[in-house]
């Protein structure tokens, strides 16, 4: 799950953990500015997913492993952040996904 680095979907969901949502999860932080907008979008996503559960009478909801891997690939390609050894440091929450 977190080897070699955290893999999440929108930094909110992790495969293998149904009905679990997190704010400011792996890959959601950025270097400057307020995190408030990121937190708001992540909470909105969790509310929409929970509303779907209630509306459709579902017992659980879980991100598919492939969706999390696809998102991980997307942010690795788009990341502008690198550490001292030039490894990718992904810190990107694309608000357009919501």
PDB file of N, CA and C in Angstrom:
ATOM      1  N   UNK A   1       0.824  -1.188   0.000  1.00  0.00           N
ATOM      2  CA  UNK A   1       0.000   0.000   0.000  1.00  0.00           C
ATOM      3  C   UNK A   1       0.872   1.256   0.000  1.00  0.00           C
ATOM      4  N   UNK A   2       1.855   1.354   0.878  1.00  0.00           N
ATOM      5  CA  UNK A   2       2.681   2.557   0.937  1.00  0.00           C
ATOM      6  C   UNK A   2       4.126   2.277   0.556  1.00  0.00           C
ATOM      7  N   UNK A   3       4.369   1.225  -0.219  1.00  0.00           N
ATOM      8  CA  UNK A   3       5.722   0.905  -0.646  1.00  0.00           C
ATOM      9  C   UNK A   3       5.772   0.897  -2.163  1.00  0.00           C
ATOM     10  N   UNK A   4       6.609   1.595  -2.840  1.00  0.00           N
ATOM     11  CA  UNK A   4       7.708   2.392  -2.313  1.00  0.00           C
ATOM     12  C   UNK A   4       7.261   3.770  -1.841  1.00  0.00           C
ATOM     13  N   UNK A   5       6.032   4.154  -2.151  1.00  0.00           N
ATOM     14  CA  UNK A   5       5.495   5.427  -1.684  1.00  0.00           C
ATOM     15  C   UNK A   5       3.979   5.284  -1.551  1.00  0.00           C
ATOM     16  N   UNK A   6       3.333   6.196  -0.846  1.00  0.00           N
ATOM     17  CA  UNK A   6       1.884   6.101  -0.663  1.00  0.00           C
ATOM     18  C   UNK A   6       1.142   6.194  -1.998  1.00  0.00           C
ATOM     19  N   UNK A   7       0.176   5.316  -2.179  1.00  0.00           N
ATOM     20  CA  UNK A   7      -0.683   5.344  -3.357  1.00  0.00           C
ATOM     21  C   UNK A   7      -2.112   5.500  -2.876  1.00  0.00           C
ATOM     22  N   UNK A   8      -2.710   6.621  -3.220  1.00  0.00           N
ATOM     23  CA  UNK A   8      -4.082   6.903  -2.827  1.00  0.00           C
ATOM     24  C   UNK A   8      -4.862   7.375  -4.048  1.00  0.00           C
ATOM     25  N   UNK A   9      -6.160   7.502  -3.891  1.00  0.00           N
ATOM     26  CA  UNK A   9      -6.991   8.100  -4.924  1.00  0.00           C
ATOM     27  C   UNK A   9      -7.415   9.483  -4.442  1.00  0.00           C
ATOM     28  N   UNK A  10      -6.989  10.483  -5.157  1.00  0.00           N
ATOM     29  CA  UNK A  10      -7.272  11.885  -4.818  1.00  0.00           C
ATOM     30  C   UNK A  10      -6.785  12.256  -3.425  1.00  0.00           C
ATOM     31  N   UNK A  11      -5.853  11.493  -2.887  1.00  0.00           N
ATOM     32  CA  UNK A  11      -5.314  11.722  -1.539  1.00  0.00           C
ATOM     33  C   UNK A  11      -6.367  11.543  -0.469  1.00  0.00           C
ATOM     34  N   UNK A  12      -7.493  10.959  -0.834  1.00  0.00           N
ATOM     35  CA  UNK A  12      -8.637  10.828   0.069  1.00  0.00           C
ATOM     36  C   UNK A  12      -8.921   9.365   0.416  1.00  0.00           C
ATOM     37  N   UNK A  13      -8.775   8.467  -0.551  1.00  0.00           N
ATOM     38  CA  UNK A  13      -9.133   7.061  -0.372  1.00  0.00           C
ATOM     39  C   UNK A  13      -7.933   6.160  -0.619  1.00  0.00           C
ATOM     40  N   UNK A  14      -7.909   5.036   0.092  1.00  0.00           N
ATOM     41  CA  UNK A  14      -6.842   4.052  -0.048  1.00  0.00           C
ATOM     42  C   UNK A  14      -7.494   2.696  -0.342  1.00  0.00           C
ATOM     43  N   UNK A  15      -7.029   1.993  -1.385  1.00  0.00           N
ATOM     44  CA  UNK A  15      -7.586   0.660  -1.652  1.00  0.00           C
ATOM     45  C   UNK A  15      -7.426  -0.253  -0.439  1.00  0.00           C
ATOM     46  N   UNK A  16      -8.436  -1.056  -0.191  1.00  0.00           N
ATOM     47  CA  UNK A  16      -8.388  -1.988   0.936  1.00  0.00           C
ATOM     48  C   UNK A  16      -8.994  -1.436   2.217  1.00  0.00           C
ATOM     49  N   UNK A  17      -9.449  -0.191   2.181  1.00  0.00           N
ATOM     50  CA  UNK A  17     -10.058   0.440   3.361  1.00  0.00           C
ATOM     51  C   UNK A  17     -11.426   1.003   2.990  1.00  0.00           C
ATOM     52  N   UNK A  18     -12.454   0.146   2.941  1.00  0.00           N
ATOM     53  CA  UNK A  18     -13.781   0.633   2.561  1.00  0.00           C
ATOM     54  C   UNK A  18     -14.342   1.627   3.582  1.00  0.00           C
ATOM     55  N   UNK A  19     -15.118   2.563   3.054  1.00  0.00           N
ATOM     56  CA  UNK A  19     -15.804   3.576   3.872  1.00  0.00           C
ATOM     57  C   UNK A  19     -14.845   4.451   4.671  1.00  0.00           C
ATOM     58  N   UNK A  20     -13.627   4.564   4.228  1.00  0.00           N
ATOM     59  CA  UNK A  20     -12.647   5.391   4.932  1.00  0.00           C
ATOM     60  C   UNK A  20     -12.190   6.515   4.028  1.00  0.00           C
ATOM     61  N   UNK A  21     -12.317   7.732   4.534  1.00  0.00           N
ATOM     62  CA  UNK A  21     -11.893   8.921   3.814  1.00  0.00           C
ATOM     63  C   UNK A  21     -10.965   9.717   4.719  1.00  0.00           C
ATOM     64  N   UNK A  22      -9.987  10.375   4.121  1.00  0.00           N
ATOM     65  CA  UNK A  22      -9.042  11.160   4.905  1.00  0.00           C
ATOM     66  C   UNK A  22      -8.861  12.525   4.257  1.00  0.00           C
ATOM     67  N   UNK A  23      -8.591  13.498   5.073  1.00  0.00           N
ATOM     68  CA  UNK A  23      -8.239  14.831   4.576  1.00  0.00           C
ATOM     69  C   UNK A  23      -6.733  15.009   4.774  1.00  0.00           C
ATOM     70  N   UNK A  24      -6.113  15.678   3.842  1.00  0.00           N
ATOM     71  CA  UNK A  24      -4.671  15.916   3.849  1.00  0.00           C
ATOM     72  C   UNK A  24      -3.883  14.616   3.881  1.00  0.00           C
ATOM     73  N   UNK A  25      -4.355  13.647   3.122  1.00  0.00           N
ATOM     74  CA  UNK A  25      -3.651  12.377   3.001  1.00  0.00           C
ATOM     75  C   UNK A  25      -2.405  12.523   2.142  1.00  0.00           C
ATOM     76  N   UNK A  26      -1.715  11.433   1.889  1.00  0.00           N
ATOM     77  CA  UNK A  26      -0.502  11.470   1.082  1.00  0.00           C
ATOM     78  C   UNK A  26      -0.741  12.134  -0.277  1.00  0.00           C
ATOM     79  N   UNK A  27       0.191  12.956  -0.672  1.00  0.00           N
ATOM     80  CA  UNK A  27       0.192  13.647  -1.957  1.00  0.00           C
ATOM     81  C   UNK A  27      -0.789  14.810  -2.051  1.00  0.00           C
ATOM     82  N   UNK A  28      -1.354  15.255  -0.954  1.00  0.00           N
ATOM     83  CA  UNK A  28      -2.310  16.356  -1.048  1.00  0.00           C
ATOM     84  C   UNK A  28      -1.708  17.703  -0.693  1.00  0.00           C
ATOM     85  N   UNK A  29      -0.589  17.715  -0.021  1.00  0.00           N
ATOM     86  CA  UNK A  29      -0.002  18.987   0.420  1.00  0.00           C
ATOM     87  C   UNK A  29       0.755  19.671  -0.706  1.00  0.00           C
ATOM     88  N   UNK A  30       0.842  20.960  -0.619  1.00  0.00           N
ATOM     89  CA  UNK A  30       1.678  21.714  -1.541  1.00  0.00           C
ATOM     90  C   UNK A  30       2.491  22.714  -0.751  1.00  0.00           C
ATOM     91  N   UNK A  31       3.490  23.302  -1.391  1.00  0.00           N
ATOM     92  CA  UNK A  31       4.510  24.059  -0.685  1.00  0.00           C
ATOM     93  C   UNK A  31       4.126  25.430  -0.174  1.00  0.00           C
ATOM     94  N   UNK A  32       3.126  26.058  -0.753  1.00  0.00           N
ATOM     95  CA  UNK A  32       2.790  27.404  -0.309  1.00  0.00           C
ATOM     96  C   UNK A  32       1.288  27.614  -0.393  1.00  0.00           C
ATOM     97  N   UNK A  33       0.803  28.544   0.378  1.00  0.00           N
ATOM     98  CA  UNK A  33      -0.619  28.865   0.358  1.00  0.00           C
ATOM     99  C   UNK A  33      -1.402  28.081   1.389  1.00  0.00           C
ATOM    100  N   UNK A  34      -2.687  28.338   1.392  1.00  0.00           N
ATOM    101  CA  UNK A  34      -3.579  27.734   2.371  1.00  0.00           C
ATOM    102  C   UNK A  34      -4.008  26.335   1.947  1.00  0.00           C
ATOM    103  N   UNK A  35      -4.043  25.444   2.890  1.00  0.00           N
ATOM    104  CA  UNK A  35      -4.524  24.082   2.649  1.00  0.00           C
ATOM    105  C   UNK A  35      -6.045  24.017   2.750  1.00  0.00           C
ATOM    106  N   UNK A  36      -6.666  25.106   3.142  1.00  0.00           N
ATOM    107  CA  UNK A  36      -8.109  25.111   3.363  1.00  0.00           C
ATOM    108  C   UNK A  36      -8.884  24.686   2.125  1.00  0.00           C
ATOM    109  N   UNK A  37      -8.503  25.166   0.959  1.00  0.00           N
ATOM    110  CA  UNK A  37      -9.206  24.810  -0.272  1.00  0.00           C
ATOM    111  C   UNK A  37      -9.082  23.309  -0.534  1.00  0.00           C
ATOM    112  N   UNK A  38      -7.906  22.746  -0.306  1.00  0.00           N
ATOM    113  CA  UNK A  38      -7.700  21.311  -0.500  1.00  0.00           C
ATOM    114  C   UNK A  38      -8.584  20.525   0.462  1.00  0.00           C
ATOM    115  N   UNK A  39      -8.583  20.903   1.715  1.00  0.00           N
ATOM    116  CA  UNK A  39      -9.401  20.216   2.718  1.00  0.00           C
ATOM    117  C   UNK A  39     -10.881  20.284   2.341  1.00  0.00           C
ATOM    118  N   UNK A  40     -11.339  21.453   1.919  1.00  0.00           N
ATOM    119  CA  UNK A  40     -12.749  21.613   1.535  1.00  0.00           C
ATOM    120  C   UNK A  40     -13.117  20.669   0.399  1.00  0.00           C
ATOM    121  N   UNK A  41     -12.284  20.581  -0.631  1.00  0.00           N
ATOM    122  CA  UNK A  41     -12.573  19.702  -1.772  1.00  0.00           C
ATOM    123  C   UNK A  41     -12.549  18.237  -1.355  1.00  0.00           C
ATOM    124  N   UNK A  42     -11.626  17.877  -0.478  1.00  0.00           N
ATOM    125  CA  UNK A  42     -11.553  16.487  -0.031  1.00  0.00           C
ATOM    126  C   UNK A  42     -12.779  16.114   0.795  1.00  0.00           C
ATOM    127  N   UNK A  43     -13.211  17.004   1.646  1.00  0.00           N
ATOM    128  CA  UNK A  43     -14.416  16.749   2.445  1.00  0.00           C
ATOM    129  C   UNK A  43     -15.643  16.694   1.547  1.00  0.00           C
ATOM    130  N   UNK A  44     -15.721  17.567   0.542  1.00  0.00           N
ATOM    131  CA  UNK A  44     -16.834  17.523  -0.412  1.00  0.00           C
ATOM    132  C   UNK A  44     -16.885  16.163  -1.117  1.00  0.00           C
ATOM    133  N   UNK A  45     -15.723  15.644  -1.502  1.00  0.00           N
ATOM    134  CA  UNK A  45     -15.669  14.331  -2.147  1.00  0.00           C
ATOM    135  C   UNK A  45     -16.213  13.255  -1.199  1.00  0.00           C
ATOM    136  N   UNK A  46     -15.789  13.275   0.054  1.00  0.00           N
ATOM    137  CA  UNK A  46     -16.250  12.290   1.034  1.00  0.00           C
ATOM    138  C   UNK A  46     -17.759  12.398   1.247  1.00  0.00           C
ATOM    139  N   UNK A  47     -18.284  13.619   1.280  1.00  0.00           N
ATOM    140  CA  UNK A  47     -19.729  13.813   1.454  1.00  0.00           C
ATOM    141  C   UNK A  47     -20.487  13.263   0.251  1.00  0.00           C
ATOM    142  N   UNK A  48     -19.988  13.530  -0.967  1.00  0.00           N
ATOM    143  CA  UNK A  48     -20.647  13.004  -2.166  1.00  0.00           C
ATOM    144  C   UNK A  48     -20.639  11.476  -2.176  1.00  0.00           C
ATOM    145  N   UNK A  49     -19.525  10.881  -1.795  1.00  0.00           N
ATOM    146  CA  UNK A  49     -19.442   9.421  -1.760  1.00  0.00           C
ATOM    147  C   UNK A  49     -20.381   8.851  -0.698  1.00  0.00           C
ATOM    148  N   UNK A  50     -20.439   9.476   0.459  1.00  0.00           N
ATOM    149  CA  UNK A  50     -21.329   9.023   1.528  1.00  0.00           C
ATOM    150  C   UNK A  50     -22.785   9.190   1.129  1.00  0.00           C
ATOM    151  N   UNK A  51     -23.092  10.277   0.449  1.00  0.00           N
ATOM    152  CA  UNK A  51     -24.460  10.493  -0.045  1.00  0.00           C
ATOM    153  C   UNK A  51     -24.856   9.401  -1.033  1.00  0.00           C
ATOM    154  N   UNK A  52     -23.927   8.992  -1.878  1.00  0.00           N
ATOM    155  CA  UNK A  52     -24.192   7.904  -2.832  1.00  0.00           C
ATOM    156  C   UNK A  52     -24.501   6.614  -2.079  1.00  0.00           C
ATOM    157  N   UNK A  53     -23.744   6.330  -1.032  1.00  0.00           N
ATOM    158  CA  UNK A  53     -24.014   5.149  -0.209  1.00  0.00           C
ATOM    159  C   UNK A  53     -25.448   5.173   0.315  1.00  0.00           C
ATOM    160  N   UNK A  54     -25.840   6.284   0.867  1.00  0.00           N
ATOM    161  CA  UNK A  54     -27.172   6.411   1.452  1.00  0.00           C
ATOM    162  C   UNK A  54     -28.265   6.340   0.385  1.00  0.00           C
ATOM    163  N   UNK A  55     -28.057   7.070  -0.700  1.00  0.00           N
ATOM    164  CA  UNK A  55     -29.055   7.161  -1.762  1.00  0.00           C
ATOM    165  C   UNK A  55     -29.318   5.799  -2.419  1.00  0.00           C
ATOM    166  N   UNK A  56     -28.253   5.027  -2.616  1.00  0.00           N
ATOM    167  CA  UNK A  56     -28.377   3.748  -3.311  1.00  0.00           C
ATOM    168  C   UNK A  56     -28.459   2.551  -2.365  1.00  0.00           C
ATOM    169  N   UNK A  57     -28.474   2.807  -1.070  1.00  0.00           N
ATOM    170  CA  UNK A  57     -28.600   1.734  -0.089  1.00  0.00           C
ATOM    171  C   UNK A  57     -27.407   0.786  -0.073  1.00  0.00           C
ATOM    172  N   UNK A  58     -26.229   1.311  -0.343  1.00  0.00           N
ATOM    173  CA  UNK A  58     -25.020   0.489  -0.360  1.00  0.00           C
ATOM    174  C   UNK A  58     -24.454   0.343   1.055  1.00  0.00           C
ATOM    175  N   UNK A  59     -23.752  -0.757   1.297  1.00  0.00           N
ATOM    176  CA  UNK A  59     -23.154  -0.977   2.611  1.00  0.00           C
ATOM    177  C   UNK A  59     -21.750  -0.411   2.703  1.00  0.00           C
ATOM    178  N   UNK A  60     -21.040  -0.387   1.574  1.00  0.00           N
ATOM    179  CA  UNK A  60     -19.678   0.118   1.608  1.00  0.00           C
ATOM    180  C   UNK A  60     -19.281   0.652   0.235  1.00  0.00           C
ATOM    181  N   UNK A  61     -18.239   1.448   0.261  1.00  0.00           N
ATOM    182  CA  UNK A  61     -17.672   1.993  -0.959  1.00  0.00           C
ATOM    183  C   UNK A  61     -16.158   1.972  -0.787  1.00  0.00           C
ATOM    184  N   UNK A  62     -15.476   1.571  -1.846  1.00  0.00           N
ATOM    185  CA  UNK A  62     -14.010   1.452  -1.764  1.00  0.00           C
ATOM    186  C   UNK A  62     -13.413   1.787  -3.125  1.00  0.00           C
ATOM    187  N   UNK A  63     -12.324   2.513  -3.114  1.00  0.00           N
ATOM    188  CA  UNK A  63     -11.643   2.833  -4.359  1.00  0.00           C
ATOM    189  C   UNK A  63     -10.984   1.568  -4.911  1.00  0.00           C
ATOM    190  N   UNK A  64     -11.073   1.408  -6.225  1.00  0.00           N
ATOM    191  CA  UNK A  64     -10.421   0.268  -6.867  1.00  0.00           C
ATOM    192  C   UNK A  64      -8.916   0.509  -6.909  1.00  0.00           C
ATOM    193  N   UNK A  65      -8.174  -0.575  -6.768  1.00  0.00           N
ATOM    194  CA  UNK A  65      -6.717  -0.479  -6.766  1.00  0.00           C
ATOM    195  C   UNK A  65      -6.209   0.144  -8.073  1.00  0.00           C
ATOM    196  N   UNK A  66      -6.816  -0.223  -9.192  1.00  0.00           N
ATOM    197  CA  UNK A  66      -6.389   0.310 -10.491  1.00  0.00           C
ATOM    198  C   UNK A  66      -6.633   1.817 -10.565  1.00  0.00           C
ATOM    199  N   UNK A  67      -7.738   2.299 -10.006  1.00  0.00           N
ATOM    200  CA  UNK A  67      -8.011   3.741 -10.010  1.00  0.00           C
ATOM    201  C   UNK A  67      -6.948   4.486  -9.206  1.00  0.00           C
ATOM    202  N   UNK A  68      -6.559   3.929  -8.065  1.00  0.00           N
ATOM    203  CA  UNK A  68      -5.516   4.563  -7.251  1.00  0.00           C
ATOM    204  C   UNK A  68      -4.172   4.549  -7.983  1.00  0.00           C
ATOM    205  N   UNK A  69      -3.870   3.457  -8.664  1.00  0.00           N
ATOM    206  CA  UNK A  69      -2.618   3.379  -9.417  1.00  0.00           C
ATOM    207  C   UNK A  69      -2.624   4.354 -10.593  1.00  0.00           C
ATOM    208  N   UNK A  70      -3.761   4.472 -11.271  1.00  0.00           N
ATOM    209  CA  UNK A  70      -3.870   5.428 -12.386  1.00  0.00           C
ATOM    210  C   UNK A  70      -3.678   6.855 -11.893  1.00  0.00           C
ATOM    211  N   UNK A  71      -4.283   7.178 -10.760  1.00  0.00           N
ATOM    212  CA  UNK A  71      -4.123   8.520 -10.185  1.00  0.00           C
ATOM    213  C   UNK A  71      -2.664   8.758  -9.791  1.00  0.00           C
ATOM    214  N   UNK A  72      -2.037   7.744  -9.214  1.00  0.00           N
ATOM    215  CA  UNK A  72      -0.638   7.860  -8.819  1.00  0.00           C
ATOM    216  C   UNK A  72       0.250   8.146 -10.033  1.00  0.00           C
ATOM    217  N   UNK A  73       0.024   7.435 -11.114  1.00  0.00           N
ATOM    218  CA  UNK A  73       0.788   7.673 -12.342  1.00  0.00           C
ATOM    219  C   UNK A  73       0.548   9.091 -12.857  1.00  0.00           C
ATOM    220  N   UNK A  74      -0.689   9.534 -12.800  1.00  0.00           N
ATOM    221  CA  UNK A  74      -1.046  10.880 -13.264  1.00  0.00           C
ATOM    222  C   UNK A  74      -0.287  11.949 -12.485  1.00  0.00           C
ATOM    223  N   UNK A  75      -0.275  11.838 -11.158  1.00  0.00           N
ATOM    224  CA  UNK A  75       0.381  12.891 -10.384  1.00  0.00           C
ATOM    225  C   UNK A  75       1.901  12.784 -10.468  1.00  0.00           C
ATOM    226  N   UNK A  76       2.436  11.583 -10.659  1.00  0.00           N
ATOM    227  CA  UNK A  76       3.884  11.469 -10.821  1.00  0.00           C
ATOM    228  C   UNK A  76       4.344  12.145 -12.101  1.00  0.00           C
ATOM    229  N   UNK A  77       3.590  12.005 -13.151  1.00  0.00           N
ATOM    230  CA  UNK A  77       3.943  12.632 -14.422  1.00  0.00           C
ATOM    231  C   UNK A  77       3.842  14.147 -14.320  1.00  0.00           C
ATOM    232  N   UNK A  78       2.823  14.646 -13.625  1.00  0.00           N
ATOM    233  CA  UNK A  78       2.570  16.082 -13.549  1.00  0.00           C
ATOM    234  C   UNK A  78       3.320  16.786 -12.426  1.00  0.00           C
ATOM    235  N   UNK A  79       3.957  16.045 -11.538  1.00  0.00           N
ATOM    236  CA  UNK A  79       4.615  16.654 -10.391  1.00  0.00           C
ATOM    237  C   UNK A  79       5.815  17.488 -10.816  1.00  0.00           C
ATOM    238  N   UNK A  80       5.943  18.637 -10.193  1.00  0.00           N
ATOM    239  CA  UNK A  80       7.083  19.511 -10.437  1.00  0.00           C
ATOM    240  C   UNK A  80       8.077  19.450  -9.287  1.00  0.00           C
ATOM    241  N   UNK A  81       7.770  18.641  -8.293  1.00  0.00           N
ATOM    242  CA  UNK A  81       8.586  18.594  -7.088  1.00  0.00           C
ATOM    243  C   UNK A  81       9.587  17.449  -7.161  1.00  0.00           C
ATOM    244  N   UNK A  82      10.816  17.718  -6.797  1.00  0.00           N
ATOM    245  CA  UNK A  82      11.858  16.688  -6.733  1.00  0.00           C
ATOM    246  C   UNK A  82      12.660  16.914  -5.457  1.00  0.00           C
ATOM    247  N   UNK A  83      13.150  15.840  -4.886  1.00  0.00           N
ATOM    248  CA  UNK A  83      13.992  16.006  -3.703  1.00  0.00           C
ATOM    249  C   UNK A  83      15.456  16.103  -4.124  1.00  0.00           C
ATOM    250  N   UNK A  84      16.374  16.075  -3.158  1.00  0.00           N
ATOM    251  CA  UNK A  84      17.798  16.280  -3.442  1.00  0.00           C
ATOM    252  C   UNK A  84      18.377  15.220  -4.372  1.00  0.00           C
ATOM    253  N   UNK A  85      17.803  14.032  -4.378  1.00  0.00           N
ATOM    254  CA  UNK A  85      18.301  12.975  -5.267  1.00  0.00           C
ATOM    255  C   UNK A  85      17.487  12.903  -6.562  1.00  0.00           C
ATOM    256  N   UNK A  86      16.638  13.888  -6.776  1.00  0.00           N
ATOM    257  CA  UNK A  86      15.799  14.001  -7.965  1.00  0.00           C
ATOM    258  C   UNK A  86      14.758  12.900  -8.083  1.00  0.00           C
ATOM    259  N   UNK A  87      14.383  12.311  -6.958  1.00  0.00           N
ATOM    260  CA  UNK A  87      13.257  11.391  -6.952  1.00  0.00           C
ATOM    261  C   UNK A  87      11.980  12.225  -6.976  1.00  0.00           C
ATOM    262  N   UNK A  88      10.940  11.657  -7.527  1.00  0.00           N
ATOM    263  CA  UNK A  88       9.670  12.382  -7.549  1.00  0.00           C
ATOM    264  C   UNK A  88       9.130  12.577  -6.146  1.00  0.00           C
ATOM    265  N   UNK A  89       8.668  13.751  -5.872  1.00  0.00           N
ATOM    266  CA  UNK A  89       7.971  14.069  -4.636  1.00  0.00           C
ATOM    267  C   UNK A  89       6.607  14.600  -5.051  1.00  0.00           C
ATOM    268  N   UNK A  90       5.591  13.770  -4.990  1.00  0.00           N
ATOM    269  CA  UNK A  90       4.285  14.175  -5.501  1.00  0.00           C
ATOM    270  C   UNK A  90       3.483  14.886  -4.432  1.00  0.00           C
ATOM    271  N   UNK A  91       3.100  16.086  -4.741  1.00  0.00           N
ATOM    272  CA  UNK A  91       2.267  16.909  -3.862  1.00  0.00           C
ATOM    273  C   UNK A  91       1.289  17.645  -4.756  1.00  0.00           C
ATOM    274  N   UNK A  92       0.204  17.003  -5.091  1.00  0.00           N
ATOM    275  CA  UNK A  92      -0.683  17.585  -6.082  1.00  0.00           C
ATOM    276  C   UNK A  92      -2.077  17.025  -5.904  1.00  0.00           C
ATOM    277  N   UNK A  93      -3.043  17.872  -5.656  1.00  0.00           N
ATOM    278  CA  UNK A  93      -4.431  17.442  -5.566  1.00  0.00           C
ATOM    279  C   UNK A  93      -5.201  18.142  -6.667  1.00  0.00           C
ATOM    280  N   UNK A  94      -5.529  17.439  -7.745  1.00  0.00           N
ATOM    281  CA  UNK A  94      -6.187  18.094  -8.869  1.00  0.00           C
ATOM    282  C   UNK A  94      -7.660  18.353  -8.593  1.00  0.00           C
ATOM    283  N   UNK A  95      -8.011  19.577  -8.380  1.00  0.00           N
ATOM    284  CA  UNK A  95      -9.376  19.938  -8.036  1.00  0.00           C
ATOM    285  C   UNK A  95     -10.342  19.641  -9.175  1.00  0.00           C
ATOM    286  N   UNK A  96      -9.851  19.510 -10.403  1.00  0.00           N
ATOM    287  CA  UNK A  96     -10.731  19.261 -11.522  1.00  0.00           C
ATOM    288  C   UNK A  96     -11.342  17.860 -11.488  1.00  0.00           C
ATOM    289  N   UNK A  97     -10.835  16.945 -10.632  1.00  0.00           N
ATOM    290  CA  UNK A  97     -11.402  15.614 -10.553  1.00  0.00           C
ATOM    291  C   UNK A  97     -12.728  15.598  -9.809  1.00  0.00           C
ATOM    292  N   UNK A  98     -13.040  16.635  -9.070  1.00  0.00           N
ATOM    293  CA  UNK A  98     -14.268  16.617  -8.264  1.00  0.00           C
ATOM    294  C   UNK A  98     -15.441  17.178  -9.011  1.00  0.00           C
TER     295      UNK A  98
END
